[in-house]
Amino acid sequence: MSWKKAYTRWNECKDLDPEMRKLLSTMKEQDLEEAFLKNLEFGTGGMRGEIGAGINRINLYTIRKASKGLANYIAGFGEEAKRRGVVIAYDSRHKSPQFAMEAARTLATEGIQTYVFNELRPTPELSFALRYLHAFAGIVITASHNPAEYNGYKVYGEDGAQLPPKIADLVISKVNEIENELEIHVKEEDHLRSAGLIQMIGEEIDQTYLKKIVSISEKPQLSKEVDVKIVYSPLHGTGNWPVRKALKALGYEKVIVVKEQEKPDPNFSTVVYPNPEEKAAFELAVQYGKNHDADILLATDPDADRLGIAVKNAMGEYTLLTGNQIGVLLLHYLLARKQEKGQLPENGRVFKTIVTSELGRKVAESYGISTEDVLTGFKFIGEKIEQYRQSGEYQFLFGYEESYGYLIADFARDKDAVQAAILIVEACAFYKKQGKSLYDALQDVYEKFGYYREGLVSLTLKGLEGTKQIQTILSSLRKTPPKEIHHVKVKMIEDYLTGEKTNVTEGAKEVLSLPKSNVLKYFLEDGSWVCIRPSGTEPKMKFYFGIIGESLEHSEEKITQLKESFMENIHHILEMDQ
């Protein structure tokens, strides 16, 4: 169907929602084309897009369509699956509560039991609640750390993890079978609640989740031995109560909350992006930190699955750590404490993504623990946790990705900023007792294992033109692979779309074991690497870089040179295509 036909179908619908009707009347042709060009698709973070009218936007009709498709998928597993039902949570974004209830109404109309949180909750709590209630599936209405105009729809399986590709494809096929999202009719909320098909949940799940969070502490007595000052910002999202309550339960009383960012705000009015990866998101926290001489600054994204931190560097200034740095600090602290207590299992395993630093692998090896790489997206870590739980081959110890996502204990099966906040504060207390900061601890890791450094460049490529540019870049790199990058020869190429690993020097090829994905990775002779992938959740092309340097200064210089050299080639590709 052409975009004009899809638009006409909406525009001629007599019962079209008044808000949608008003939006259509104000949209220009280019906006209409982008809004009706295609259906929203599931990427690494589920269905995500701008709020608005159209089949390529998040609105009550696309929510109904996704939910009807999910309902049809669940129905295929029989009455037991329908009775087990679906748990639904939502964050602080525009229309999140309405979209959550719209999903619940659609599912319940199909006779599927639904459990809806009575207020906004963190994404990891949904993962926990799904398993706690033995539900068949879960939904979170969130766009994570995207700008305020976005919202999204993430689907979880019965193991508590986001749907892996094969199952997601089955759900999508059910969604795509629905020809007209405007014809999906749902029953009234009051009727469905009276029938018991929609049940509200909250306090019981909260308390059980909190107990699980507190249980991950390796040294709960530290709060009584060391005075740690913490500044925390929920960035207008869902992390406020769980992070503060968990810290208080463990005895960390000196928690100063950034008041301007404490309450939920769908406009995220104090930041451009509610993303703890961004230095700008920490501006207020840094001011608070200086005023209170804080040891550590914490920030969680709106759905509280990502955690960023800032600590004092050697100059006494707060510096924002990268996701790779936070991950390796958490990993090193966790493995060291478990080793001290004799609790390191022989079959323990750490999981990271293909774009995450190799430093974590080196640290894990020093404790006799293996590391397994997965594709980008925490759902692949969740999938591995369940696989090995069933087989007993490996025991999950830690999972993380460079984009500020960490999981310590698998009672949740998605990245959990609440867990990470608790453990990083405890690590801060542990090192402070030794007279060190977390920054000092990080330098110790570098000195022992090598000066690893990573970088990321994102190109925002919106709309139809952006989609073409992304394809141009990938096609050009596949047609003419770089032989060297910044004067260093490429020795290995991994193409996750073809599923091949190529030894450039020898010309030998191997089959990759990971699922197919439109990703390229280059390994250089000096241990550096470059990885290219289109974002699954945003109109962006992402370029990841990793190096090993001889010192902190050398690693900074080397990563800068690698990024500049490679991106110069990318911009040349785009210029040649003009």
Protein backbone atom coordinates (compact mmCIF):
# COMPACT_ATOMS: atom_id res chain seq x y z
CA MET A 1 0.00 0.00 0.00
CA SER A 2 1.33 3.45 -0.92
CA TRP A 3 1.56 6.12 1.73
CA LYS A 4 -1.22 8.08 0.01
CA LYS A 5 -3.61 5.12 0.20
CA ALA A 6 -2.79 4.62 3.88
CA TYR A 7 -3.33 8.32 4.52
CA THR A 8 -6.63 8.34 2.62
CA ARG A 9 -7.86 5.37 4.65
CA TRP A 10 -7.26 7.35 7.83
CA ASN A 11 -8.56 10.64 6.51
CA GLU A 12 -11.82 9.08 5.31
CA CYS A 13 -12.44 7.16 8.52
CA LYS A 14 -15.65 8.60 9.99
CA ASP A 15 -14.86 7.45 13.53
CA LEU A 16 -11.25 8.64 13.57
CA ASP A 17 -10.13 9.85 16.98
CA PRO A 18 -10.62 13.66 17.15
CA GLU A 19 -7.02 14.25 18.19
CA MET A 20 -5.76 12.24 15.19
CA ARG A 21 -8.14 14.15 12.90
CA LYS A 22 -6.77 17.46 14.12
CA LEU A 23 -3.17 16.34 13.65
CA LEU A 24 -3.82 15.19 10.08
CA SER A 25 -5.27 18.59 9.20
CA THR A 26 -2.07 20.36 10.26
CA MET A 27 0.49 18.02 8.58
CA LYS A 28 2.40 18.96 5.42
CA GLU A 29 2.83 16.47 2.57
CA GLN A 30 6.39 15.51 3.55
CA ASP A 31 5.23 14.87 7.13
CA LEU A 32 2.31 12.80 5.86
CA GLU A 33 4.59 10.73 3.65
CA GLU A 34 6.91 9.89 6.54
CA ALA A 35 3.96 9.18 8.86
CA PHE A 36 2.26 6.80 6.42
CA LEU A 37 5.20 5.35 4.47
CA LYS A 38 5.48 2.13 6.48
CA ASN A 39 4.36 0.42 9.65
CA LEU A 40 6.44 0.82 12.78
CA GLU A 41 8.82 -2.11 13.12
CA PHE A 42 10.37 -3.95 16.03
CA GLY A 43 14.08 -3.16 16.42
CA THR A 44 16.55 -3.81 19.24
CA GLY A 45 14.20 -2.02 21.65
CA GLY A 46 10.80 -3.02 20.26
CA MET A 47 8.43 -0.62 18.51
CA ARG A 48 9.48 2.97 19.02
CA GLY A 49 8.69 6.22 17.25
CA GLU A 50 7.40 9.74 17.43
CA ILE A 51 3.95 10.29 18.94
CA GLY A 52 1.50 11.38 16.29
CA ALA A 53 -0.94 10.41 13.56
CA GLY A 54 -0.06 7.73 11.01
CA ILE A 55 0.93 4.09 10.71
CA ASN A 56 4.60 5.02 11.24
CA ARG A 57 3.85 6.84 14.48
CA ILE A 58 2.94 5.87 18.05
CA ASN A 59 -0.76 6.46 18.67
CA LEU A 60 -3.79 4.62 20.02
CA TYR A 61 -4.30 2.81 16.70
CA THR A 62 -0.74 1.51 16.34
CA ILE A 63 -0.86 0.51 20.01
CA ARG A 64 -4.09 -1.40 19.35
CA LYS A 65 -2.62 -3.07 16.27
CA ALA A 66 0.50 -4.22 18.12
CA SER A 67 -1.62 -5.44 21.03
CA LYS A 68 -4.09 -7.26 18.77
CA GLY A 69 -1.18 -8.98 17.04
CA LEU A 70 0.27 -9.96 20.40
CA ALA A 71 -3.17 -11.20 21.50
CA ASN A 72 -3.45 -13.39 18.40
CA TYR A 73 0.03 -14.77 19.06
CA ILE A 74 -0.86 -15.60 22.68
CA ALA A 75 -4.16 -17.19 21.66
CA GLY A 76 -2.17 -19.65 19.58
CA PHE A 77 -0.84 -21.14 22.83
CA GLY A 78 -4.31 -21.87 24.16
CA GLU A 79 -6.42 -20.94 27.17
CA GLU A 80 -3.65 -21.44 29.72
CA ALA A 81 -1.52 -18.76 28.04
CA LYS A 82 -4.53 -16.42 27.99
CA ARG A 83 -5.17 -17.06 31.71
CA ARG A 84 -1.53 -16.42 32.59
CA GLY A 85 -1.89 -13.18 30.72
CA VAL A 86 0.18 -10.06 30.20
CA VAL A 87 1.75 -7.59 32.65
CA ILE A 88 1.87 -3.94 31.54
CA ALA A 89 4.03 -1.11 32.90
CA TYR A 90 4.66 2.42 31.70
CA ASP A 91 7.00 5.35 32.30
CA SER A 92 6.65 9.13 32.59
CA ARG A 93 6.34 9.98 28.90
CA HIS A 94 3.49 11.71 27.11
CA LYS A 95 0.49 9.40 26.83
CA SER A 96 2.25 6.46 28.52
CA PRO A 97 -0.65 5.80 30.96
CA GLN A 98 -3.21 6.05 28.15
CA PHE A 99 -1.23 3.80 25.83
CA ALA A 100 -0.77 1.25 28.61
CA MET A 101 -4.50 1.08 29.23
CA GLU A 102 -5.21 0.98 25.48
CA ALA A 103 -2.95 -2.08 25.23
CA ALA A 104 -4.71 -3.63 28.25
CA ARG A 105 -8.17 -2.99 26.79
CA THR A 106 -7.17 -4.55 23.47
CA LEU A 107 -5.76 -7.68 25.10
CA ALA A 108 -8.60 -8.01 27.62
CA THR A 109 -11.20 -7.65 24.85
CA GLU A 110 -9.65 -10.79 23.37
CA GLY A 111 -10.13 -12.62 26.69
CA ILE A 112 -6.53 -12.28 27.82
CA GLN A 113 -5.87 -11.57 31.50
CA THR A 114 -4.00 -8.30 31.96
CA TYR A 115 -2.18 -6.82 34.95
CA VAL A 116 -1.53 -3.08 34.80
CA PHE A 117 0.64 -1.16 37.24
CA ASN A 118 -1.34 1.53 39.02
CA GLU A 119 1.40 4.12 38.45
CA LEU A 120 4.59 4.51 36.46
CA ARG A 121 7.28 1.89 37.17
CA PRO A 122 10.84 1.10 36.03
CA THR A 123 11.24 -1.24 33.09
CA PRO A 124 13.27 -3.79 35.11
CA GLU A 125 10.42 -4.07 37.61
CA LEU A 126 8.14 -5.12 34.75
CA SER A 127 10.63 -7.87 33.90
CA PHE A 128 10.60 -8.99 37.52
CA ALA A 129 6.80 -8.76 37.84
CA LEU A 130 6.28 -10.87 34.74
CA ARG A 131 8.25 -13.74 36.27
CA TYR A 132 6.79 -13.18 39.76
CA LEU A 133 3.23 -13.47 38.43
CA HIS A 134 4.14 -16.32 36.02
CA ALA A 135 2.59 -14.31 33.21
CA PHE A 136 2.94 -15.29 29.58
CA ALA A 137 4.14 -11.92 28.29
CA GLY A 138 4.84 -8.33 29.30
CA ILE A 139 4.67 -4.86 27.79
CA VAL A 140 6.40 -1.63 28.75
CA ILE A 141 5.23 1.66 27.27
CA THR A 142 8.47 3.63 27.06
CA ALA A 143 10.95 5.19 24.67
CA SER A 144 13.78 4.81 27.17
CA HIS A 145 16.15 7.79 26.82
CA ASN A 146 14.79 9.18 23.53
CA PRO A 147 13.62 12.81 23.30
CA ALA A 148 10.23 13.89 24.65
CA GLU A 149 8.37 13.53 21.34
CA TYR A 150 8.96 9.76 21.33
CA ASN A 151 7.21 6.83 22.95
CA GLY A 152 7.40 3.11 22.42
CA TYR A 153 6.14 -0.40 23.05
CA LYS A 154 8.49 -3.12 24.27
CA VAL A 155 7.32 -6.72 24.47
CA TYR A 156 8.69 -9.31 26.89
CA GLY A 157 8.48 -13.09 26.85
CA GLU A 158 7.60 -15.41 29.72
CA ASP A 159 11.26 -15.59 30.79
CA GLY A 160 11.16 -11.86 31.56
CA ALA A 161 13.46 -10.85 28.69
CA GLN A 162 12.66 -8.77 25.64
CA LEU A 163 11.54 -10.92 22.73
CA PRO A 164 14.43 -12.45 20.76
CA PRO A 165 14.31 -12.07 16.96
CA LYS A 166 12.63 -15.40 16.10
CA ILE A 167 9.74 -14.88 18.51
CA ALA A 168 9.53 -11.17 17.69
CA ASP A 169 9.18 -12.13 14.03
CA LEU A 170 6.27 -14.41 14.89
CA VAL A 171 4.54 -11.62 16.81
CA ILE A 172 5.21 -9.17 13.98
CA SER A 173 3.74 -11.61 11.47
CA LYS A 174 0.56 -11.64 13.56
CA VAL A 175 0.61 -7.84 13.68
CA ASN A 176 1.10 -7.62 9.91
CA GLU A 177 -1.88 -9.90 9.31
CA ILE A 178 -4.08 -7.09 10.64
CA GLU A 179 -5.05 -5.15 7.54
CA ASN A 180 -6.80 -2.19 9.13
CA GLU A 181 -5.81 -0.92 12.57
CA LEU A 182 -8.76 1.50 12.46
CA GLU A 183 -11.22 -1.41 12.62
CA ILE A 184 -9.92 -2.86 15.91
CA HIS A 185 -12.66 -2.27 18.45
CA VAL A 186 -12.06 -2.55 22.17
CA LYS A 187 -14.38 -2.75 25.14
CA GLU A 188 -14.62 -0.10 27.84
CA GLU A 189 -12.14 -0.19 30.69
CA ASP A 190 -14.83 -0.30 33.42
CA HIS A 191 -16.49 -3.32 31.84
CA LEU A 192 -13.18 -5.19 31.51
CA ARG A 193 -12.17 -4.37 35.07
CA SER A 194 -15.55 -5.52 36.39
CA ALA A 195 -15.06 -8.79 34.52
CA GLY A 196 -11.68 -9.20 36.19
CA LEU A 197 -9.82 -9.19 32.88
CA ILE A 198 -7.94 -6.01 33.82
CA GLN A 199 -6.38 -6.04 37.28
CA MET A 200 -4.35 -3.23 38.79
CA ILE A 201 -1.10 -4.15 40.59
CA GLY A 202 1.48 -2.25 42.60
CA GLU A 203 2.49 -2.44 46.26
CA GLU A 204 3.02 -6.21 46.58
CA ILE A 205 5.27 -6.28 43.50
CA ASP A 206 7.14 -3.18 44.70
CA GLN A 207 8.03 -4.66 48.06
CA THR A 208 9.11 -8.02 46.66
CA TYR A 209 11.22 -6.35 43.97
CA LEU A 210 12.84 -4.11 46.59
CA LYS A 211 13.79 -7.12 48.73
CA LYS A 212 15.42 -8.72 45.70
CA ILE A 213 17.32 -5.52 44.94
CA VAL A 214 18.70 -5.30 48.47
CA SER A 215 19.78 -8.95 48.29
CA ILE A 216 22.42 -8.25 45.64
CA SER A 217 24.61 -6.39 48.15
CA GLU A 218 27.97 -8.13 48.63
CA LYS A 219 28.91 -6.20 51.78
CA PRO A 220 25.74 -4.77 53.37
CA GLN A 221 27.62 -3.64 56.47
CA LEU A 222 29.68 -1.08 54.51
CA SER A 223 27.11 1.69 54.96
CA LYS A 224 27.76 1.55 58.71
CA GLU A 225 31.53 1.65 58.27
CA VAL A 226 31.87 4.38 55.63
CA ASP A 227 30.10 7.71 55.20
CA VAL A 228 29.18 8.01 51.50
CA LYS A 229 27.56 11.13 50.07
CA ILE A 230 25.39 10.49 47.02
CA VAL A 231 23.69 12.86 44.58
CA TYR A 232 20.94 11.23 42.53
CA SER A 233 18.79 12.35 39.61
CA PRO A 234 15.92 10.29 38.18
CA LEU A 235 15.93 12.65 35.16
CA HIS A 236 12.16 13.18 35.49
CA GLY A 237 11.52 9.44 35.20
CA THR A 238 10.62 6.29 37.13
CA GLY A 239 13.76 5.63 39.18
CA ASN A 240 13.05 7.99 42.08
CA TRP A 241 11.35 5.71 44.61
CA PRO A 242 13.14 2.39 43.91
CA VAL A 243 16.66 3.81 43.91
CA ARG A 244 16.10 5.90 47.03
CA LYS A 245 14.28 3.16 48.93
CA ALA A 246 16.89 0.54 48.06
CA LEU A 247 19.75 2.80 49.14
CA LYS A 248 17.94 3.62 52.38
CA ALA A 249 17.22 -0.06 53.05
CA LEU A 250 20.95 -0.72 52.83
CA GLY A 251 21.74 2.13 55.22
CA TYR A 252 22.90 4.80 52.77
CA GLU A 253 21.15 7.79 54.29
CA LYS A 254 23.06 10.68 52.70
CA VAL A 255 21.25 10.75 49.36
CA ILE A 256 20.67 14.21 47.92
CA VAL A 257 18.10 14.21 45.12
CA VAL A 258 18.29 16.77 42.32
CA LYS A 259 14.99 18.52 43.09
CA GLU A 260 14.59 20.07 39.64
CA GLN A 261 14.65 16.56 38.10
CA GLU A 262 12.93 14.61 40.87
CA LYS A 263 9.32 14.54 39.68
CA PRO A 264 8.04 12.86 36.51
CA ASP A 265 7.92 15.30 33.61
CA PRO A 266 7.08 14.10 30.08
CA ASN A 267 8.74 17.19 28.61
CA PHE A 268 12.03 16.49 30.44
CA SER A 269 12.15 20.23 30.88
CA THR A 270 15.65 20.52 32.39
CA VAL A 271 17.49 18.52 29.71
CA VAL A 272 17.62 18.29 25.92
CA TYR A 273 17.91 14.49 26.13
CA PRO A 274 16.98 12.52 29.29
CA ASN A 275 20.01 10.32 28.72
CA PRO A 276 22.58 9.56 31.45
CA GLU A 277 25.15 9.04 28.69
CA GLU A 278 25.05 12.77 27.99
CA LYS A 279 27.27 15.16 29.92
CA ALA A 280 24.55 17.82 29.75
CA ALA A 281 22.16 15.57 31.67
CA PHE A 282 24.57 15.76 34.65
CA GLU A 283 24.90 19.55 34.79
CA LEU A 284 22.53 19.99 37.73
CA ALA A 285 23.88 16.90 39.49
CA VAL A 286 27.41 18.29 39.23
CA GLN A 287 26.28 21.55 40.86
CA TYR A 288 24.69 19.56 43.67
CA GLY A 289 27.81 17.44 43.96
CA LYS A 290 30.05 20.47 44.39
CA ASN A 291 27.69 22.04 46.92
CA HIS A 292 27.54 18.86 49.03
CA ASP A 293 31.03 17.45 48.34
CA ALA A 294 29.45 14.23 47.08
CA ASP A 295 31.46 11.07 46.49
CA ILE A 296 29.34 9.89 43.58
CA LEU A 297 26.68 11.28 41.26
CA LEU A 298 24.00 8.94 39.87
CA ALA A 299 21.45 9.43 37.11
CA THR A 300 18.91 6.98 35.68
CA ASP A 301 17.07 7.37 32.40
CA PRO A 302 13.25 7.77 32.31
CA ASP A 303 12.44 4.05 32.49
CA ALA A 304 15.34 3.36 34.89
CA ASP A 305 17.05 0.64 32.93
CA ARG A 306 20.23 2.67 32.27
CA LEU A 307 22.55 4.19 34.85
CA GLY A 308 25.18 6.90 34.43
CA ILE A 309 27.62 8.02 37.11
CA ALA A 310 30.13 10.80 37.67
CA VAL A 311 33.04 10.68 40.13
CA LYS A 312 35.86 12.99 41.13
CA ASN A 313 38.97 12.65 38.98
CA ALA A 314 42.60 13.26 39.96
CA MET A 315 41.99 17.03 39.71
CA GLY A 316 39.01 16.88 42.06
CA GLU A 317 36.54 17.61 39.26
CA TYR A 318 33.53 15.43 38.49
CA THR A 319 33.98 13.34 35.39
CA LEU A 320 31.28 11.30 33.68
CA LEU A 321 32.33 7.67 33.26
CA THR A 322 31.47 5.76 30.11
CA GLY A 323 29.21 2.72 30.09
CA ASN A 324 32.26 0.55 29.49
CA GLN A 325 34.06 2.05 32.49
CA ILE A 326 31.06 1.66 34.81
CA GLY A 327 30.60 -1.89 33.59
CA VAL A 328 34.17 -2.91 34.29
CA LEU A 329 34.10 -1.30 37.76
CA LEU A 330 30.93 -3.23 38.62
CA LEU A 331 32.34 -6.45 37.18
CA HIS A 332 35.69 -6.17 38.95
CA TYR A 333 34.09 -5.35 42.29
CA LEU A 334 31.52 -8.14 41.98
CA LEU A 335 34.00 -10.87 41.03
CA ALA A 336 36.52 -9.79 43.67
CA ARG A 337 33.95 -9.90 46.46
CA LYS A 338 32.56 -13.26 45.34
CA GLN A 339 36.07 -14.68 45.16
CA GLU A 340 36.76 -13.49 48.71
CA LYS A 341 33.69 -15.34 49.92
CA GLY A 342 34.44 -18.45 47.86
CA GLN A 343 31.29 -17.93 45.80
CA LEU A 344 32.74 -17.88 42.29
CA PRO A 345 31.22 -20.81 40.40
CA GLU A 346 33.47 -22.83 38.10
CA ASN A 347 30.95 -22.49 35.29
CA GLY A 348 30.30 -18.78 35.84
CA ARG A 349 29.90 -16.64 32.75
CA VAL A 350 29.86 -12.93 31.92
CA PHE A 351 27.93 -11.59 28.93
CA LYS A 352 28.61 -8.49 26.88
CA THR A 353 27.70 -7.19 23.44
CA ILE A 354 29.97 -7.15 20.39
CA VAL A 355 30.40 -3.36 20.70
CA THR A 356 31.34 -3.49 24.39
CA SER A 357 34.96 -3.12 25.56
CA GLU A 358 37.30 -6.11 25.65
CA LEU A 359 38.56 -4.93 29.02
CA GLY A 360 35.72 -6.77 30.78
CA ARG A 361 36.86 -10.03 29.17
CA LYS A 362 40.39 -9.48 30.51
CA VAL A 363 39.10 -8.79 34.02
CA ALA A 364 36.84 -11.85 33.97
CA GLU A 365 39.70 -14.06 32.73
CA SER A 366 41.81 -13.00 35.71
CA TYR A 367 39.17 -14.59 37.95
CA GLY A 368 38.89 -17.71 35.80
CA ILE A 369 35.53 -16.62 34.39
CA SER A 370 34.61 -16.86 30.71
CA THR A 371 32.92 -14.13 28.68
CA GLU A 372 30.44 -14.55 25.84
CA ASP A 373 29.63 -11.95 23.20
CA VAL A 374 26.11 -11.35 21.92
CA LEU A 375 24.62 -8.97 19.38
CA THR A 376 23.72 -5.44 20.44
CA GLY A 377 20.53 -5.39 22.49
CA PHE A 378 20.04 -6.64 26.03
CA LYS A 379 17.42 -9.11 24.84
CA PHE A 380 20.27 -11.28 23.60
CA ILE A 381 21.77 -11.38 27.09
CA GLY A 382 18.35 -12.24 28.52
CA GLU A 383 18.01 -15.01 25.95
CA LYS A 384 21.38 -16.49 26.97
CA ILE A 385 20.47 -16.37 30.67
CA GLU A 386 17.40 -18.51 30.05
CA GLN A 387 19.25 -20.84 27.67
CA TYR A 388 21.92 -21.64 30.24
CA ARG A 389 19.45 -21.78 33.10
CA GLN A 390 17.72 -24.61 31.28
CA SER A 391 20.88 -26.41 30.15
CA GLY A 392 22.91 -25.84 33.33
CA GLU A 393 26.03 -25.36 31.19
CA TYR A 394 26.87 -21.92 32.59
CA GLN A 395 25.81 -19.81 35.56
CA PHE A 396 25.03 -16.16 34.93
CA LEU A 397 27.28 -13.77 36.85
CA PHE A 398 27.01 -10.42 35.13
CA GLY A 399 25.75 -8.89 31.89
CA TYR A 400 26.38 -5.47 30.42
CA GLU A 401 26.55 -3.31 27.33
CA GLU A 402 28.44 -0.13 26.54
CA SER A 403 25.21 1.88 26.38
CA TYR A 404 24.94 2.07 30.20
CA GLY A 405 22.98 -1.14 30.76
CA TYR A 406 23.94 -3.64 33.50
CA LEU A 407 22.42 -6.68 35.18
CA ILE A 408 23.84 -8.20 38.36
CA ALA A 409 21.18 -10.71 39.45
CA ASP A 410 18.79 -12.40 37.04
CA PHE A 411 15.54 -11.98 38.97
CA ALA A 412 15.10 -9.36 36.24
CA ARG A 413 16.06 -10.30 32.71
CA ASP A 414 16.65 -6.83 31.35
CA LYS A 415 19.20 -4.20 32.23
CA ASP A 416 18.45 -2.80 35.67
CA ALA A 417 19.64 0.65 36.73
CA VAL A 418 18.33 0.08 40.27
CA GLN A 419 20.55 -2.96 40.74
CA ALA A 420 23.50 -1.13 39.20
CA ALA A 421 22.98 1.94 41.41
CA ILE A 422 23.07 -0.17 44.57
CA LEU A 423 26.23 -2.04 43.63
CA ILE A 424 28.16 0.98 42.33
CA VAL A 425 27.41 2.89 45.55
CA GLU A 426 28.63 -0.11 47.54
CA ALA A 427 31.79 -0.23 45.41
CA CYS A 428 32.26 3.49 46.09
CA ALA A 429 32.01 2.81 49.84
CA PHE A 430 34.41 -0.13 49.59
CA TYR A 431 37.11 1.89 47.86
CA LYS A 432 36.53 4.95 50.05
CA LYS A 433 37.27 2.78 53.08
CA GLN A 434 40.64 2.09 51.43
CA GLY A 435 41.20 5.80 50.87
CA LYS A 436 40.40 5.60 47.16
CA SER A 437 37.73 6.98 44.85
CA LEU A 438 36.02 5.05 42.06
CA TYR A 439 38.23 7.00 39.67
CA ASP A 440 41.31 5.68 41.50
CA ALA A 441 39.88 2.15 41.31
CA LEU A 442 39.42 2.55 37.56
CA GLN A 443 43.04 3.65 37.13
CA ASP A 444 44.13 0.56 39.06
CA VAL A 445 42.20 -1.59 36.60
CA TYR A 446 43.83 0.15 33.64
CA GLU A 447 47.30 -0.21 35.13
CA LYS A 448 46.78 -3.93 35.68
CA PHE A 449 44.92 -4.95 32.53
CA GLY A 450 45.76 -2.30 29.93
CA TYR A 451 44.62 1.16 28.89
CA TYR A 452 41.52 0.24 26.91
CA ARG A 453 39.48 3.09 25.47
CA GLU A 454 36.29 3.14 23.49
CA GLY A 455 34.40 5.71 21.47
CA LEU A 456 31.08 6.19 19.71
CA VAL A 457 30.05 8.43 16.84
CA SER A 458 26.36 8.67 15.92
CA LEU A 459 25.12 10.12 12.64
CA THR A 460 21.49 11.22 12.77
CA LEU A 461 19.97 10.39 9.39
CA LYS A 462 16.23 11.07 9.45
CA GLY A 463 13.48 10.32 7.01
CA LEU A 464 13.62 8.74 3.56
CA GLU A 465 16.90 10.40 2.67
CA GLY A 466 18.46 9.16 5.90
CA THR A 467 17.37 5.59 5.23
CA LYS A 468 19.01 5.77 1.79
CA GLN A 469 22.24 7.17 3.27
CA ILE A 470 22.45 4.34 5.80
CA GLN A 471 22.13 1.79 3.00
CA THR A 472 24.71 3.67 0.93
CA ILE A 473 27.26 3.51 3.73
CA LEU A 474 26.79 -0.20 4.38
CA SER A 475 26.72 -1.12 0.69
CA SER A 476 29.90 0.84 -0.01
CA LEU A 477 31.77 -0.73 2.92
CA ARG A 478 30.73 -4.21 1.82
CA LYS A 479 31.64 -3.55 -1.81
CA THR A 480 35.00 -1.95 -1.01
CA PRO A 481 36.13 -2.96 2.52
CA PRO A 482 38.87 -0.78 4.02
CA LYS A 483 42.30 -2.40 3.87
CA GLU A 484 43.63 -0.19 6.63
CA ILE A 485 42.32 2.40 9.08
CA HIS A 486 44.61 5.21 10.20
CA HIS A 487 47.64 3.43 8.77
CA VAL A 488 46.93 0.15 10.58
CA LYS A 489 46.03 -2.91 8.50
CA VAL A 490 42.65 -4.61 8.87
CA LYS A 491 43.27 -8.27 9.70
CA MET A 492 39.72 -9.58 10.22
CA ILE A 493 36.23 -8.61 9.06
CA GLU A 494 33.02 -9.89 10.63
CA ASP A 495 29.86 -9.38 8.59
CA TYR A 496 26.88 -10.33 10.72
CA LEU A 497 24.49 -9.99 7.79
CA THR A 498 26.22 -12.67 5.72
CA GLY A 499 27.28 -14.56 8.85
CA GLU A 500 30.92 -14.66 7.74
CA LYS A 501 34.24 -13.92 9.41
CA THR A 502 36.99 -13.20 6.88
CA ASN A 503 40.73 -13.39 7.57
CA VAL A 504 41.88 -10.57 5.29
CA THR A 505 45.51 -11.72 5.17
CA GLU A 506 44.82 -15.35 4.34
CA GLY A 507 41.44 -14.98 2.68
CA ALA A 508 40.03 -17.75 4.85
CA LYS A 509 36.38 -17.58 5.91
CA GLU A 510 34.55 -18.89 8.98
CA VAL A 511 30.87 -19.06 9.86
CA LEU A 512 29.73 -16.75 12.69
CA SER A 513 27.53 -18.35 15.34
CA LEU A 514 25.53 -15.21 16.18
CA PRO A 515 22.16 -14.40 14.56
CA LYS A 516 22.19 -12.38 11.36
CA SER A 517 22.17 -8.61 11.75
CA ASN A 518 23.09 -5.70 9.49
CA VAL A 519 26.39 -5.08 11.28
CA LEU A 520 30.04 -4.90 10.20
CA LYS A 521 33.08 -5.17 12.46
CA TYR A 522 36.74 -4.64 11.56
CA PHE A 523 39.64 -5.94 13.66
CA LEU A 524 43.01 -4.22 13.19
CA GLU A 525 46.50 -5.63 13.63
CA ASP A 526 47.22 -3.51 16.71
CA GLY A 527 44.19 -4.80 18.64
CA SER A 528 41.92 -1.91 17.69
CA TRP A 529 38.45 -2.49 16.26
CA VAL A 530 35.62 -0.62 14.52
CA CYS A 531 31.96 -1.68 14.41
CA ILE A 532 29.17 -0.19 12.29
CA ARG A 533 25.45 -0.70 12.80
CA PRO A 534 22.19 1.15 12.13
CA SER A 535 20.33 1.91 15.36
CA GLY A 536 17.32 -0.29 15.94
CA THR A 537 15.44 2.40 17.84
CA GLU A 538 16.48 5.77 16.38
CA PRO A 539 17.15 7.23 12.89
CA LYS A 540 20.89 6.92 13.45
CA MET A 541 23.96 5.19 12.11
CA LYS A 542 26.30 4.20 14.94
CA PHE A 543 30.06 3.75 14.73
CA TYR A 544 31.86 2.10 17.64
CA PHE A 545 35.61 2.17 18.22
CA GLY A 546 37.94 0.37 20.60
CA ILE A 547 41.70 0.56 21.16
CA ILE A 548 44.43 -0.42 23.63
CA GLY A 549 46.90 2.32 24.52
CA GLU A 550 50.21 2.46 26.36
CA SER A 551 48.97 5.05 28.84
CA LEU A 552 45.87 7.07 29.63
CA GLU A 553 47.08 9.94 27.44
CA HIS A 554 48.12 7.63 24.61
CA SER A 555 44.77 5.84 24.64
CA GLU A 556 42.89 9.14 24.40
CA GLU A 557 45.04 10.25 21.47
CA LYS A 558 44.72 6.89 19.72
CA ILE A 559 40.93 6.64 19.98
CA THR A 560 40.56 10.20 18.67
CA GLN A 561 42.75 9.45 15.66
CA LEU A 562 40.92 6.21 14.89
CA LYS A 563 37.53 7.91 15.03
CA GLU A 564 38.59 10.88 12.90
CA SER A 565 40.24 8.71 10.27
CA PHE A 566 37.32 6.33 9.86
CA MET A 567 34.62 9.01 9.92
CA GLU A 568 36.51 10.95 7.25
CA ASN A 569 36.02 7.90 5.03
CA ILE A 570 32.31 7.71 5.89
CA HIS A 571 31.73 11.37 5.02
CA HIS A 572 33.61 10.79 1.75
CA ILE A 573 31.20 7.94 0.92
CA LEU A 574 28.21 10.22 1.51
CA GLU A 575 29.73 13.04 -0.54
CA MET A 576 30.40 10.71 -3.47
CA ASP A 577 26.74 9.66 -3.40
CA GLN A 578 25.46 13.22 -3.77
